């Protein structure tokens, strides 16, 4: 048990250093949110979901720029608390079985900050993350693979490693993978206590 705890701590410490490097080296990420200076460590109670296994087995998460960051998120996957944000919604079993997200900085994460929260999001190929919105401002940085990003009243964009998608407060957005999976580093600032909700009027109109 103690050995597993030490191993997970080392993995999370490696992850947080890689995240810090991204905030310092990627101009758009740095402009959106500086790396926090109030980080505190906290215990993580791991929670496994099927998407964790999918991520660990996925060989199509191709990247040249962020191979170390990708590998670190994959290695830490067995020790993470995988989120089930949409568990009690009508999203359906297929989405819950394949959509993956765990927190690096925030609630149920190895680190906490009052300045920003950070997550990894994983989606296998041929999957749609429906329209949703939240008060928190958000940026997706694609680490591996690729996905088509949707923002309400804006043109769709296919983002590859190094590309970002910024979402204003309560701006509806969605994401779709086609023949490749995607892994993204996701940053939230402000309104951490309000979770995302489905943007029903867009989902009901089949705008995807």
N, C-alpha and C. Protein backbone atom coordinates (compact mmCIF):
# COMPACT_ATOMS: atom_id res chain seq x y z
N UNK A 1 0.83 -1.21 0.00
CA UNK A 1 0.00 0.00 0.00
C UNK A 1 0.86 1.26 0.00
N UNK A 2 1.86 1.29 0.92
CA UNK A 2 2.72 2.46 1.02
C UNK A 2 3.48 2.69 -0.29
N UNK A 3 3.91 1.58 -0.91
CA UNK A 3 4.64 1.70 -2.17
C UNK A 3 3.75 2.30 -3.26
N UNK A 4 2.48 1.88 -3.30
CA UNK A 4 1.55 2.42 -4.30
C UNK A 4 1.31 3.90 -4.07
N UNK A 5 1.20 4.29 -2.80
CA UNK A 5 0.99 5.71 -2.48
C UNK A 5 2.18 6.54 -2.93
N UNK A 6 3.39 6.05 -2.66
CA UNK A 6 4.58 6.78 -3.07
C UNK A 6 4.67 6.87 -4.59
N UNK A 7 4.31 5.79 -5.26
CA UNK A 7 4.34 5.79 -6.72
C UNK A 7 3.36 6.80 -7.30
N UNK A 8 2.15 6.83 -6.74
CA UNK A 8 1.16 7.79 -7.23
C UNK A 8 1.60 9.22 -6.97
N UNK A 9 2.22 9.46 -5.81
CA UNK A 9 2.70 10.80 -5.51
C UNK A 9 3.76 11.25 -6.51
N UNK A 10 4.67 10.35 -6.85
CA UNK A 10 5.71 10.67 -7.82
C UNK A 10 5.11 10.97 -9.19
N UNK A 11 4.11 10.19 -9.57
CA UNK A 11 3.46 10.42 -10.86
C UNK A 11 2.75 11.76 -10.91
N UNK A 12 2.05 12.09 -9.82
CA UNK A 12 1.34 13.37 -9.79
C UNK A 12 2.31 14.55 -9.74
N UNK A 13 3.43 14.38 -9.03
CA UNK A 13 4.44 15.44 -9.00
C UNK A 13 5.05 15.67 -10.38
N UNK A 14 5.26 14.59 -11.11
CA UNK A 14 5.75 14.71 -12.48
C UNK A 14 4.73 15.43 -13.35
N UNK A 15 3.46 15.06 -13.19
CA UNK A 15 2.39 15.70 -13.96
C UNK A 15 2.32 17.19 -13.71
N UNK A 16 2.41 17.59 -12.45
CA UNK A 16 2.25 19.01 -12.14
C UNK A 16 3.43 19.82 -12.68
N UNK A 17 4.62 19.22 -12.72
CA UNK A 17 5.77 19.92 -13.31
C UNK A 17 5.59 20.09 -14.81
N UNK A 18 5.06 19.06 -15.46
CA UNK A 18 4.81 19.16 -16.90
C UNK A 18 3.73 20.20 -17.19
N UNK A 19 2.70 20.24 -16.35
CA UNK A 19 1.66 21.26 -16.51
C UNK A 19 2.25 22.66 -16.35
N UNK A 20 3.09 22.83 -15.36
CA UNK A 20 3.73 24.13 -15.14
C UNK A 20 4.54 24.54 -16.37
N UNK A 21 5.25 23.59 -16.95
CA UNK A 21 6.05 23.89 -18.15
C UNK A 21 5.17 24.35 -19.31
N UNK A 22 3.99 23.74 -19.44
CA UNK A 22 3.07 24.13 -20.51
C UNK A 22 2.59 25.56 -20.30
N UNK A 23 2.25 25.91 -19.06
CA UNK A 23 1.79 27.27 -18.77
C UNK A 23 2.89 28.29 -19.05
N UNK A 24 4.12 27.90 -18.86
CA UNK A 24 5.22 28.83 -19.07
C UNK A 24 5.65 28.92 -20.53
N UNK A 25 5.44 27.84 -21.29
CA UNK A 25 5.98 27.79 -22.66
C UNK A 25 4.95 28.06 -23.75
N UNK A 26 3.67 27.84 -23.47
CA UNK A 26 2.62 28.03 -24.48
C UNK A 26 2.02 29.42 -24.29
N UNK A 27 2.19 30.29 -25.27
CA UNK A 27 1.83 31.70 -25.09
C UNK A 27 0.34 31.89 -24.83
N UNK A 28 -0.52 31.15 -25.52
CA UNK A 28 -1.96 31.32 -25.33
C UNK A 28 -2.42 30.80 -23.98
N UNK A 29 -1.84 29.69 -23.55
CA UNK A 29 -2.15 29.17 -22.22
C UNK A 29 -1.68 30.14 -21.15
N UNK A 30 -0.47 30.65 -21.31
CA UNK A 30 0.09 31.59 -20.33
C UNK A 30 -0.76 32.86 -20.24
N UNK A 31 -1.23 33.34 -21.38
CA UNK A 31 -2.06 34.54 -21.39
C UNK A 31 -3.42 34.29 -20.75
N UNK A 32 -3.96 33.10 -20.98
CA UNK A 32 -5.27 32.77 -20.42
C UNK A 32 -5.21 32.61 -18.91
N UNK A 33 -4.17 31.94 -18.42
CA UNK A 33 -4.10 31.67 -16.98
C UNK A 33 -2.67 31.33 -16.57
N UNK A 34 -2.09 32.16 -15.75
CA UNK A 34 -0.77 31.86 -15.22
C UNK A 34 -0.85 30.64 -14.30
N UNK A 35 0.26 29.93 -14.19
CA UNK A 35 0.28 28.77 -13.31
C UNK A 35 0.11 29.25 -11.87
N UNK A 36 -0.71 28.57 -11.08
CA UNK A 36 -1.03 29.07 -9.73
C UNK A 36 0.18 29.05 -8.79
N UNK A 37 0.17 30.00 -7.86
CA UNK A 37 1.24 30.06 -6.86
C UNK A 37 0.74 29.68 -5.47
N UNK A 38 -0.47 29.08 -5.43
CA UNK A 38 -1.04 28.70 -4.13
C UNK A 38 -1.34 27.20 -4.06
N UNK A 39 -0.61 26.40 -4.82
CA UNK A 39 -0.88 24.96 -4.87
C UNK A 39 -0.70 24.29 -3.51
N UNK A 40 -1.64 23.41 -3.19
CA UNK A 40 -1.54 22.58 -2.00
C UNK A 40 -1.77 21.13 -2.41
N UNK A 41 -1.04 20.22 -1.80
CA UNK A 41 -1.26 18.80 -2.08
C UNK A 41 -2.42 18.30 -1.23
N UNK A 42 -3.10 17.29 -1.73
CA UNK A 42 -4.19 16.68 -0.98
C UNK A 42 -4.31 15.21 -1.40
N UNK A 43 -4.94 14.44 -0.53
CA UNK A 43 -5.09 13.01 -0.78
C UNK A 43 -6.14 12.77 -1.86
N UNK A 44 -5.88 11.79 -2.70
CA UNK A 44 -6.81 11.43 -3.76
C UNK A 44 -7.40 10.05 -3.47
N UNK A 45 -8.72 9.98 -3.48
CA UNK A 45 -9.39 8.68 -3.38
C UNK A 45 -9.72 8.25 -4.80
N UNK A 46 -9.01 7.25 -5.29
CA UNK A 46 -9.15 6.90 -6.70
C UNK A 46 -10.54 6.37 -7.02
N UNK A 47 -10.98 6.68 -8.22
CA UNK A 47 -12.28 6.22 -8.71
C UNK A 47 -12.11 5.82 -10.17
N UNK A 48 -12.28 4.53 -10.44
CA UNK A 48 -12.07 4.01 -11.79
C UNK A 48 -13.36 3.98 -12.58
N UNK A 49 -13.26 4.31 -13.84
CA UNK A 49 -14.38 4.15 -14.77
C UNK A 49 -13.84 3.48 -16.03
N UNK A 50 -14.73 3.07 -16.90
CA UNK A 50 -14.31 2.34 -18.09
C UNK A 50 -13.39 3.16 -18.98
N UNK A 51 -13.61 4.46 -19.04
CA UNK A 51 -12.78 5.31 -19.90
C UNK A 51 -11.31 5.28 -19.50
N UNK A 52 -11.02 5.01 -18.24
CA UNK A 52 -9.63 4.89 -17.80
C UNK A 52 -8.95 3.74 -18.52
N UNK A 53 -9.64 2.62 -18.63
CA UNK A 53 -9.07 1.48 -19.34
C UNK A 53 -8.93 1.78 -20.84
N UNK A 54 -9.91 2.48 -21.40
CA UNK A 54 -9.83 2.84 -22.82
C UNK A 54 -8.62 3.73 -23.09
N UNK A 55 -8.41 4.71 -22.22
CA UNK A 55 -7.28 5.62 -22.37
C UNK A 55 -5.96 4.85 -22.32
N UNK A 56 -5.83 3.98 -21.33
CA UNK A 56 -4.57 3.27 -21.15
C UNK A 56 -4.26 2.32 -22.31
N UNK A 57 -5.30 1.89 -23.02
CA UNK A 57 -5.11 0.95 -24.14
C UNK A 57 -5.05 1.64 -25.50
N UNK A 58 -5.32 2.94 -25.54
CA UNK A 58 -5.45 3.65 -26.82
C UNK A 58 -4.06 3.93 -27.42
N UNK A 59 -3.83 3.41 -28.61
CA UNK A 59 -2.55 3.58 -29.29
C UNK A 59 -2.59 4.66 -30.38
N UNK A 60 -3.73 5.34 -30.49
CA UNK A 60 -3.88 6.34 -31.55
C UNK A 60 -3.73 7.78 -31.06
N UNK A 61 -3.33 7.95 -29.82
CA UNK A 61 -3.16 9.30 -29.28
C UNK A 61 -1.79 9.84 -29.70
N UNK A 62 -1.71 10.21 -30.96
CA UNK A 62 -0.43 10.60 -31.56
C UNK A 62 -0.11 12.06 -31.22
N UNK A 63 1.13 12.29 -30.84
CA UNK A 63 1.60 13.65 -30.58
C UNK A 63 3.11 13.67 -30.63
N UNK A 64 3.66 14.75 -31.14
CA UNK A 64 5.10 14.97 -31.08
C UNK A 64 5.44 16.01 -30.01
N UNK A 65 4.58 17.02 -29.89
CA UNK A 65 4.85 18.13 -28.98
C UNK A 65 4.71 17.76 -27.52
N UNK A 66 3.75 16.89 -27.22
CA UNK A 66 3.38 16.68 -25.81
C UNK A 66 3.41 15.21 -25.42
N UNK A 67 4.36 14.46 -25.94
CA UNK A 67 4.44 13.03 -25.63
C UNK A 67 4.65 12.77 -24.14
N UNK A 68 5.50 13.55 -23.50
CA UNK A 68 5.75 13.36 -22.07
C UNK A 68 4.51 13.66 -21.24
N UNK A 69 3.82 14.73 -21.59
CA UNK A 69 2.60 15.12 -20.87
C UNK A 69 1.52 14.05 -21.08
N UNK A 70 1.35 13.61 -22.31
CA UNK A 70 0.39 12.54 -22.61
C UNK A 70 0.71 11.29 -21.79
N UNK A 71 1.96 10.86 -21.84
CA UNK A 71 2.35 9.63 -21.14
C UNK A 71 2.16 9.75 -19.63
N UNK A 72 2.40 10.94 -19.11
CA UNK A 72 2.23 11.15 -17.66
C UNK A 72 0.77 11.05 -17.26
N UNK A 73 -0.13 11.61 -18.06
CA UNK A 73 -1.56 11.48 -17.77
C UNK A 73 -2.01 10.02 -17.86
N UNK A 74 -1.48 9.29 -18.82
CA UNK A 74 -1.84 7.87 -18.96
C UNK A 74 -1.31 7.07 -17.78
N UNK A 75 -0.07 7.31 -17.39
CA UNK A 75 0.54 6.57 -16.29
C UNK A 75 -0.17 6.81 -14.96
N UNK A 76 -0.67 8.03 -14.77
CA UNK A 76 -1.36 8.37 -13.52
C UNK A 76 -2.81 7.92 -13.51
N UNK A 77 -3.33 7.48 -14.64
CA UNK A 77 -4.75 7.14 -14.76
C UNK A 77 -5.23 6.13 -13.72
N UNK A 78 -4.47 5.07 -13.40
CA UNK A 78 -4.96 4.09 -12.42
C UNK A 78 -5.08 4.65 -11.00
N UNK A 79 -4.44 5.77 -10.73
CA UNK A 79 -4.43 6.34 -9.38
C UNK A 79 -5.36 7.55 -9.24
N UNK A 80 -6.01 7.93 -10.32
CA UNK A 80 -6.80 9.16 -10.34
C UNK A 80 -8.24 8.93 -9.90
N UNK A 81 -8.88 10.03 -9.54
CA UNK A 81 -10.32 10.01 -9.26
C UNK A 81 -11.01 10.46 -10.54
N UNK A 82 -11.48 9.50 -11.32
CA UNK A 82 -12.15 9.82 -12.57
C UNK A 82 -13.53 10.39 -12.29
N UNK A 83 -13.83 11.49 -12.94
CA UNK A 83 -15.08 12.21 -12.69
C UNK A 83 -16.26 11.54 -13.41
N UNK A 84 -17.43 11.70 -12.82
CA UNK A 84 -18.68 11.21 -13.41
C UNK A 84 -19.71 12.34 -13.37
N UNK A 85 -19.31 13.46 -13.95
CA UNK A 85 -20.10 14.70 -13.89
C UNK A 85 -21.52 14.51 -14.40
N UNK A 86 -21.68 13.71 -15.43
CA UNK A 86 -23.00 13.60 -16.09
C UNK A 86 -23.74 12.31 -15.73
N UNK A 87 -23.35 11.70 -14.63
CA UNK A 87 -23.89 10.39 -14.25
C UNK A 87 -25.40 10.40 -14.09
N UNK A 88 -25.95 11.43 -13.53
CA UNK A 88 -27.39 11.47 -13.23
C UNK A 88 -28.18 12.29 -14.25
N UNK A 89 -27.65 12.36 -15.47
CA UNK A 89 -28.37 13.03 -16.55
C UNK A 89 -28.86 11.98 -17.54
N UNK A 90 -29.50 12.43 -18.59
CA UNK A 90 -30.03 11.50 -19.59
C UNK A 90 -29.07 11.29 -20.75
N UNK A 91 -27.78 11.44 -20.52
CA UNK A 91 -26.80 11.36 -21.59
C UNK A 91 -26.69 9.97 -22.20
N UNK A 92 -26.93 8.94 -21.43
CA UNK A 92 -26.90 7.59 -21.99
C UNK A 92 -25.65 6.81 -21.61
N UNK A 93 -25.77 5.49 -21.71
CA UNK A 93 -24.71 4.59 -21.26
C UNK A 93 -23.45 4.67 -22.12
N UNK A 94 -23.62 4.84 -23.42
CA UNK A 94 -22.44 4.87 -24.30
C UNK A 94 -21.51 6.03 -23.94
N UNK A 95 -22.08 7.21 -23.71
CA UNK A 95 -21.26 8.36 -23.33
C UNK A 95 -20.56 8.09 -22.00
N UNK A 96 -21.27 7.61 -21.02
CA UNK A 96 -20.69 7.38 -19.70
C UNK A 96 -19.59 6.32 -19.75
N UNK A 97 -19.71 5.37 -20.65
CA UNK A 97 -18.71 4.31 -20.76
C UNK A 97 -17.45 4.76 -21.48
N UNK A 98 -17.53 5.84 -22.26
CA UNK A 98 -16.39 6.20 -23.10
C UNK A 98 -15.77 7.56 -22.82
N UNK A 99 -16.52 8.48 -22.24
CA UNK A 99 -15.98 9.81 -21.96
C UNK A 99 -15.17 9.78 -20.68
N UNK A 100 -13.97 10.34 -20.73
CA UNK A 100 -13.10 10.31 -19.56
C UNK A 100 -12.57 11.67 -19.16
N UNK A 101 -12.54 11.92 -17.85
CA UNK A 101 -12.00 13.18 -17.33
C UNK A 101 -11.55 12.97 -15.90
N UNK A 102 -10.33 13.39 -15.59
CA UNK A 102 -9.94 13.45 -14.17
C UNK A 102 -9.21 14.75 -13.90
N UNK A 103 -9.24 15.14 -12.64
CA UNK A 103 -8.77 16.46 -12.23
C UNK A 103 -7.34 16.39 -11.71
N UNK A 104 -6.50 17.30 -12.17
CA UNK A 104 -5.14 17.43 -11.66
C UNK A 104 -5.06 18.49 -10.58
N UNK A 105 -5.78 19.58 -10.77
CA UNK A 105 -5.84 20.66 -9.79
C UNK A 105 -7.30 20.98 -9.52
N UNK A 106 -7.75 20.79 -8.28
CA UNK A 106 -9.15 21.07 -7.96
C UNK A 106 -9.73 20.07 -6.98
N UNK A 107 -11.02 19.79 -7.11
CA UNK A 107 -11.72 18.85 -6.23
C UNK A 107 -11.36 17.42 -6.62
N UNK A 108 -11.14 16.57 -5.61
CA UNK A 108 -10.77 15.17 -5.84
C UNK A 108 -9.55 15.05 -6.75
N UNK A 109 -8.60 15.92 -6.52
CA UNK A 109 -7.37 15.97 -7.31
C UNK A 109 -6.16 15.93 -6.38
N UNK A 110 -4.98 15.61 -6.89
CA UNK A 110 -3.80 15.59 -6.04
C UNK A 110 -3.33 16.98 -5.61
N UNK A 111 -3.82 18.01 -6.30
CA UNK A 111 -3.45 19.39 -5.96
C UNK A 111 -4.70 20.26 -5.95
N UNK A 112 -4.63 21.31 -5.14
CA UNK A 112 -5.76 22.25 -5.07
C UNK A 112 -5.23 23.67 -5.19
N UNK A 113 -6.02 24.52 -5.85
CA UNK A 113 -5.71 25.94 -5.98
C UNK A 113 -7.02 26.72 -6.01
N UNK A 114 -6.98 27.91 -5.46
CA UNK A 114 -8.12 28.83 -5.57
C UNK A 114 -8.03 29.71 -6.82
N UNK A 115 -6.95 29.56 -7.57
CA UNK A 115 -6.72 30.41 -8.74
C UNK A 115 -7.14 29.76 -10.05
N UNK A 116 -7.04 28.45 -10.13
CA UNK A 116 -7.44 27.73 -11.34
C UNK A 116 -7.66 26.26 -11.01
N UNK A 117 -8.44 25.60 -11.85
CA UNK A 117 -8.57 24.15 -11.81
C UNK A 117 -8.09 23.61 -13.14
N UNK A 118 -7.62 22.36 -13.15
CA UNK A 118 -7.10 21.77 -14.38
C UNK A 118 -7.47 20.29 -14.45
N UNK A 119 -7.73 19.84 -15.67
CA UNK A 119 -8.21 18.48 -15.90
C UNK A 119 -7.53 17.89 -17.14
N UNK A 120 -7.64 16.59 -17.28
CA UNK A 120 -7.40 15.94 -18.56
C UNK A 120 -8.74 15.41 -19.06
N UNK A 121 -9.01 15.61 -20.33
CA UNK A 121 -10.21 15.07 -20.97
C UNK A 121 -9.77 14.12 -22.07
N UNK A 122 -10.41 12.95 -22.09
CA UNK A 122 -10.13 11.94 -23.12
C UNK A 122 -11.42 11.50 -23.78
N UNK A 123 -11.39 11.42 -25.11
CA UNK A 123 -12.49 10.86 -25.87
C UNK A 123 -11.93 9.93 -26.94
N UNK A 124 -12.42 8.70 -27.04
CA UNK A 124 -12.00 7.83 -28.13
C UNK A 124 -12.56 8.33 -29.46
N UNK A 125 -12.19 7.66 -30.52
CA UNK A 125 -12.65 8.09 -31.85
C UNK A 125 -14.16 7.91 -31.99
N UNK A 126 -14.74 8.69 -32.89
CA UNK A 126 -16.16 8.62 -33.23
C UNK A 126 -17.06 8.83 -32.01
N UNK A 127 -16.90 9.97 -31.36
CA UNK A 127 -17.68 10.29 -30.17
C UNK A 127 -18.06 11.77 -30.16
N UNK A 128 -19.23 12.07 -29.65
CA UNK A 128 -19.71 13.45 -29.57
C UNK A 128 -19.92 13.84 -28.11
N UNK A 129 -19.32 14.96 -27.71
CA UNK A 129 -19.54 15.56 -26.40
C UNK A 129 -20.56 16.67 -26.62
N UNK A 130 -21.80 16.48 -26.19
CA UNK A 130 -22.88 17.41 -26.56
C UNK A 130 -22.66 18.84 -26.07
N UNK A 131 -23.48 19.73 -26.60
CA UNK A 131 -23.44 21.14 -26.23
C UNK A 131 -23.66 21.29 -24.73
N UNK A 132 -22.79 22.09 -24.12
CA UNK A 132 -22.90 22.35 -22.69
C UNK A 132 -22.33 23.73 -22.40
N UNK A 133 -22.57 24.22 -21.21
CA UNK A 133 -22.06 25.54 -20.82
C UNK A 133 -21.87 25.59 -19.32
N UNK A 134 -21.10 26.56 -18.88
CA UNK A 134 -20.81 26.74 -17.45
C UNK A 134 -20.28 28.15 -17.24
N UNK A 135 -20.47 28.70 -16.05
CA UNK A 135 -19.99 30.06 -15.78
C UNK A 135 -18.47 30.19 -15.84
N UNK A 136 -17.76 29.13 -15.47
CA UNK A 136 -16.31 29.18 -15.48
C UNK A 136 -15.75 29.39 -16.88
N UNK A 137 -14.73 30.24 -16.98
CA UNK A 137 -14.02 30.42 -18.25
C UNK A 137 -13.07 29.25 -18.45
N UNK A 138 -12.90 28.83 -19.69
CA UNK A 138 -12.22 27.56 -19.94
C UNK A 138 -11.34 27.64 -21.18
N UNK A 139 -10.25 26.89 -21.12
CA UNK A 139 -9.42 26.70 -22.31
C UNK A 139 -9.05 25.23 -22.44
N UNK A 140 -9.24 24.70 -23.65
CA UNK A 140 -8.78 23.36 -24.01
C UNK A 140 -7.47 23.49 -24.78
N UNK A 141 -6.46 22.76 -24.37
CA UNK A 141 -5.23 22.61 -25.14
C UNK A 141 -5.15 21.16 -25.60
N UNK A 142 -5.20 20.94 -26.90
CA UNK A 142 -5.10 19.58 -27.42
C UNK A 142 -3.67 19.07 -27.24
N UNK A 143 -3.55 17.92 -26.58
CA UNK A 143 -2.25 17.32 -26.34
C UNK A 143 -1.92 16.22 -27.34
N UNK A 144 -2.93 15.42 -27.70
CA UNK A 144 -2.70 14.28 -28.58
C UNK A 144 -3.97 13.99 -29.37
N UNK A 145 -3.79 13.40 -30.55
CA UNK A 145 -4.94 13.14 -31.39
C UNK A 145 -5.51 14.43 -31.95
N UNK A 146 -6.81 14.42 -32.22
CA UNK A 146 -7.46 15.62 -32.73
C UNK A 146 -8.96 15.52 -32.52
N UNK A 147 -9.63 16.67 -32.57
CA UNK A 147 -11.09 16.71 -32.43
C UNK A 147 -11.62 17.97 -33.09
N UNK A 148 -12.88 17.91 -33.46
CA UNK A 148 -13.58 19.08 -33.99
C UNK A 148 -14.26 19.80 -32.85
N UNK A 149 -13.96 21.08 -32.70
CA UNK A 149 -14.51 21.89 -31.62
C UNK A 149 -15.60 22.81 -32.16
N UNK A 150 -16.68 22.89 -31.41
CA UNK A 150 -17.82 23.73 -31.77
C UNK A 150 -18.00 24.81 -30.70
N UNK A 151 -18.21 26.04 -31.14
CA UNK A 151 -18.59 27.13 -30.24
C UNK A 151 -19.79 27.84 -30.87
N UNK A 152 -20.79 28.11 -30.06
CA UNK A 152 -22.03 28.68 -30.58
C UNK A 152 -21.77 30.00 -31.31
N UNK A 153 -22.31 30.09 -32.52
CA UNK A 153 -22.19 31.27 -33.38
C UNK A 153 -20.76 31.52 -33.87
N UNK A 154 -19.93 30.48 -33.84
CA UNK A 154 -18.59 30.57 -34.40
C UNK A 154 -18.35 29.37 -35.32
N UNK A 155 -17.35 29.49 -36.17
CA UNK A 155 -17.03 28.40 -37.08
C UNK A 155 -16.40 27.22 -36.34
N UNK A 156 -16.72 26.02 -36.77
CA UNK A 156 -16.10 24.83 -36.20
C UNK A 156 -14.62 24.78 -36.58
N UNK A 157 -13.81 24.18 -35.69
CA UNK A 157 -12.38 24.06 -35.97
C UNK A 157 -11.90 22.68 -35.54
N UNK A 158 -11.06 22.06 -36.37
CA UNK A 158 -10.39 20.82 -36.00
C UNK A 158 -9.06 21.19 -35.36
N UNK A 159 -8.90 20.79 -34.10
CA UNK A 159 -7.71 21.16 -33.35
C UNK A 159 -6.80 19.95 -33.16
N UNK A 160 -5.51 20.20 -33.37
CA UNK A 160 -4.48 19.18 -33.23
C UNK A 160 -3.52 19.60 -32.12
N UNK A 161 -2.54 18.75 -31.78
CA UNK A 161 -1.66 19.08 -30.66
C UNK A 161 -1.06 20.48 -30.74
N UNK A 162 -1.23 21.22 -29.67
CA UNK A 162 -0.76 22.60 -29.59
C UNK A 162 -1.83 23.63 -29.85
N UNK A 163 -2.96 23.22 -30.44
CA UNK A 163 -4.06 24.14 -30.71
C UNK A 163 -4.95 24.30 -29.48
N UNK A 164 -5.58 25.46 -29.35
CA UNK A 164 -6.42 25.73 -28.19
C UNK A 164 -7.82 26.17 -28.61
N UNK A 165 -8.76 25.94 -27.71
CA UNK A 165 -10.12 26.46 -27.87
C UNK A 165 -10.50 27.13 -26.56
N UNK A 166 -10.79 28.43 -26.62
CA UNK A 166 -11.16 29.18 -25.42
C UNK A 166 -12.66 29.40 -25.38
N UNK A 167 -13.25 29.18 -24.21
CA UNK A 167 -14.70 29.29 -24.05
C UNK A 167 -15.00 30.36 -23.01
N UNK A 168 -15.75 31.37 -23.42
CA UNK A 168 -16.14 32.44 -22.50
C UNK A 168 -17.13 31.91 -21.46
N UNK A 169 -17.37 32.69 -20.45
CA UNK A 169 -18.34 32.31 -19.42
C UNK A 169 -19.71 32.07 -20.05
N UNK A 170 -20.24 30.88 -19.81
CA UNK A 170 -21.57 30.46 -20.29
C UNK A 170 -21.69 30.39 -21.81
N UNK A 171 -20.58 30.36 -22.52
CA UNK A 171 -20.63 30.18 -23.98
C UNK A 171 -20.84 28.70 -24.30
N UNK A 172 -21.93 28.33 -24.98
CA UNK A 172 -22.15 26.93 -25.32
C UNK A 172 -21.04 26.40 -26.25
N UNK A 173 -20.61 25.18 -25.97
CA UNK A 173 -19.57 24.56 -26.79
C UNK A 173 -19.76 23.05 -26.78
N UNK A 174 -19.16 22.40 -27.76
CA UNK A 174 -19.27 20.95 -27.91
C UNK A 174 -18.01 20.45 -28.59
N UNK A 175 -17.88 19.12 -28.68
CA UNK A 175 -16.67 18.55 -29.27
C UNK A 175 -17.00 17.20 -29.89
N UNK A 176 -16.36 16.92 -31.02
CA UNK A 176 -16.57 15.63 -31.68
C UNK A 176 -15.24 15.06 -32.16
N UNK A 177 -15.04 13.76 -31.92
CA UNK A 177 -13.92 13.06 -32.54
C UNK A 177 -14.45 12.30 -33.75
N UNK A 178 -13.59 12.15 -34.73
CA UNK A 178 -13.96 11.41 -35.94
C UNK A 178 -13.17 10.11 -35.99
N UNK A 179 -12.14 10.02 -36.80
CA UNK A 179 -11.40 8.77 -36.90
C UNK A 179 -10.15 8.75 -36.03
N UNK A 180 -10.05 9.71 -35.12
CA UNK A 180 -8.94 9.74 -34.17
C UNK A 180 -9.48 10.10 -32.78
N UNK A 181 -8.83 9.60 -31.74
CA UNK A 181 -9.21 10.01 -30.38
C UNK A 181 -8.60 11.37 -30.07
N UNK A 182 -8.89 11.88 -28.89
CA UNK A 182 -8.29 13.14 -28.47
C UNK A 182 -8.00 13.11 -26.97
N UNK A 183 -6.90 13.73 -26.60
CA UNK A 183 -6.59 14.04 -25.20
C UNK A 183 -6.34 15.53 -25.12
N UNK A 184 -6.95 16.17 -24.13
CA UNK A 184 -6.79 17.62 -23.97
C UNK A 184 -6.52 17.97 -22.51
N UNK A 185 -5.70 18.99 -22.33
CA UNK A 185 -5.47 19.59 -21.02
C UNK A 185 -6.45 20.76 -20.91
N UNK A 186 -7.26 20.75 -19.87
CA UNK A 186 -8.36 21.71 -19.75
C UNK A 186 -8.16 22.57 -18.52
N UNK A 187 -8.24 23.88 -18.70
CA UNK A 187 -8.02 24.84 -17.62
C UNK A 187 -9.30 25.61 -17.37
N UNK A 188 -9.67 25.70 -16.10
CA UNK A 188 -10.82 26.51 -15.68
C UNK A 188 -10.33 27.66 -14.80
N UNK A 189 -10.95 28.82 -14.97
CA UNK A 189 -10.72 29.91 -14.02
C UNK A 189 -12.08 30.50 -13.63
N UNK A 190 -12.24 30.78 -12.36
CA UNK A 190 -13.46 31.40 -11.80
C UNK A 190 -14.65 30.42 -11.78
N UNK A 191 -15.56 30.65 -10.86
CA UNK A 191 -16.82 29.90 -10.75
C UNK A 191 -16.59 28.38 -10.68
N UNK A 192 -15.66 27.98 -9.84
CA UNK A 192 -15.33 26.56 -9.75
C UNK A 192 -16.45 25.71 -9.17
N UNK A 193 -17.34 26.33 -8.40
CA UNK A 193 -18.37 25.57 -7.69
C UNK A 193 -19.60 25.27 -8.54
N UNK A 194 -19.66 25.81 -9.75
CA UNK A 194 -20.84 25.60 -10.60
C UNK A 194 -20.49 24.64 -11.73
N UNK A 195 -21.06 23.44 -11.73
CA UNK A 195 -20.71 22.44 -12.74
C UNK A 195 -21.34 22.76 -14.09
N UNK A 196 -20.87 22.10 -15.14
CA UNK A 196 -21.48 22.30 -16.47
C UNK A 196 -22.87 21.71 -16.54
N UNK A 197 -23.68 22.27 -17.42
CA UNK A 197 -25.03 21.75 -17.69
C UNK A 197 -25.19 21.65 -19.20
N UNK A 198 -26.06 20.75 -19.62
CA UNK A 198 -26.34 20.62 -21.05
C UNK A 198 -27.05 21.86 -21.58
N UNK A 199 -26.67 22.29 -22.77
CA UNK A 199 -27.35 23.40 -23.44
C UNK A 199 -28.48 22.79 -24.26
N UNK A 200 -29.62 22.60 -23.62
CA UNK A 200 -30.69 21.77 -24.20
C UNK A 200 -31.20 22.29 -25.54
N UNK A 201 -31.32 23.62 -25.67
CA UNK A 201 -31.91 24.13 -26.91
C UNK A 201 -31.03 23.84 -28.12
N UNK A 202 -29.71 23.73 -27.91
CA UNK A 202 -28.82 23.38 -29.02
C UNK A 202 -28.79 21.87 -29.25
N UNK A 203 -28.77 21.11 -28.18
CA UNK A 203 -28.78 19.66 -28.33
C UNK A 203 -30.08 19.18 -28.96
N UNK A 204 -31.19 19.80 -28.59
CA UNK A 204 -32.49 19.39 -29.15
C UNK A 204 -32.65 19.78 -30.62
N UNK A 205 -31.87 20.78 -31.05
CA UNK A 205 -31.95 21.20 -32.45
C UNK A 205 -30.95 20.47 -33.34
N UNK A 206 -30.19 19.53 -32.71
CA UNK A 206 -29.23 18.70 -33.45
C UNK A 206 -28.17 19.53 -34.16
N UNK A 207 -27.70 20.57 -33.49
CA UNK A 207 -26.64 21.39 -34.08
C UNK A 207 -25.29 20.75 -33.80
N UNK A 208 -24.98 19.73 -34.53
CA UNK A 208 -23.69 19.06 -34.40
C UNK A 208 -23.29 18.48 -35.74
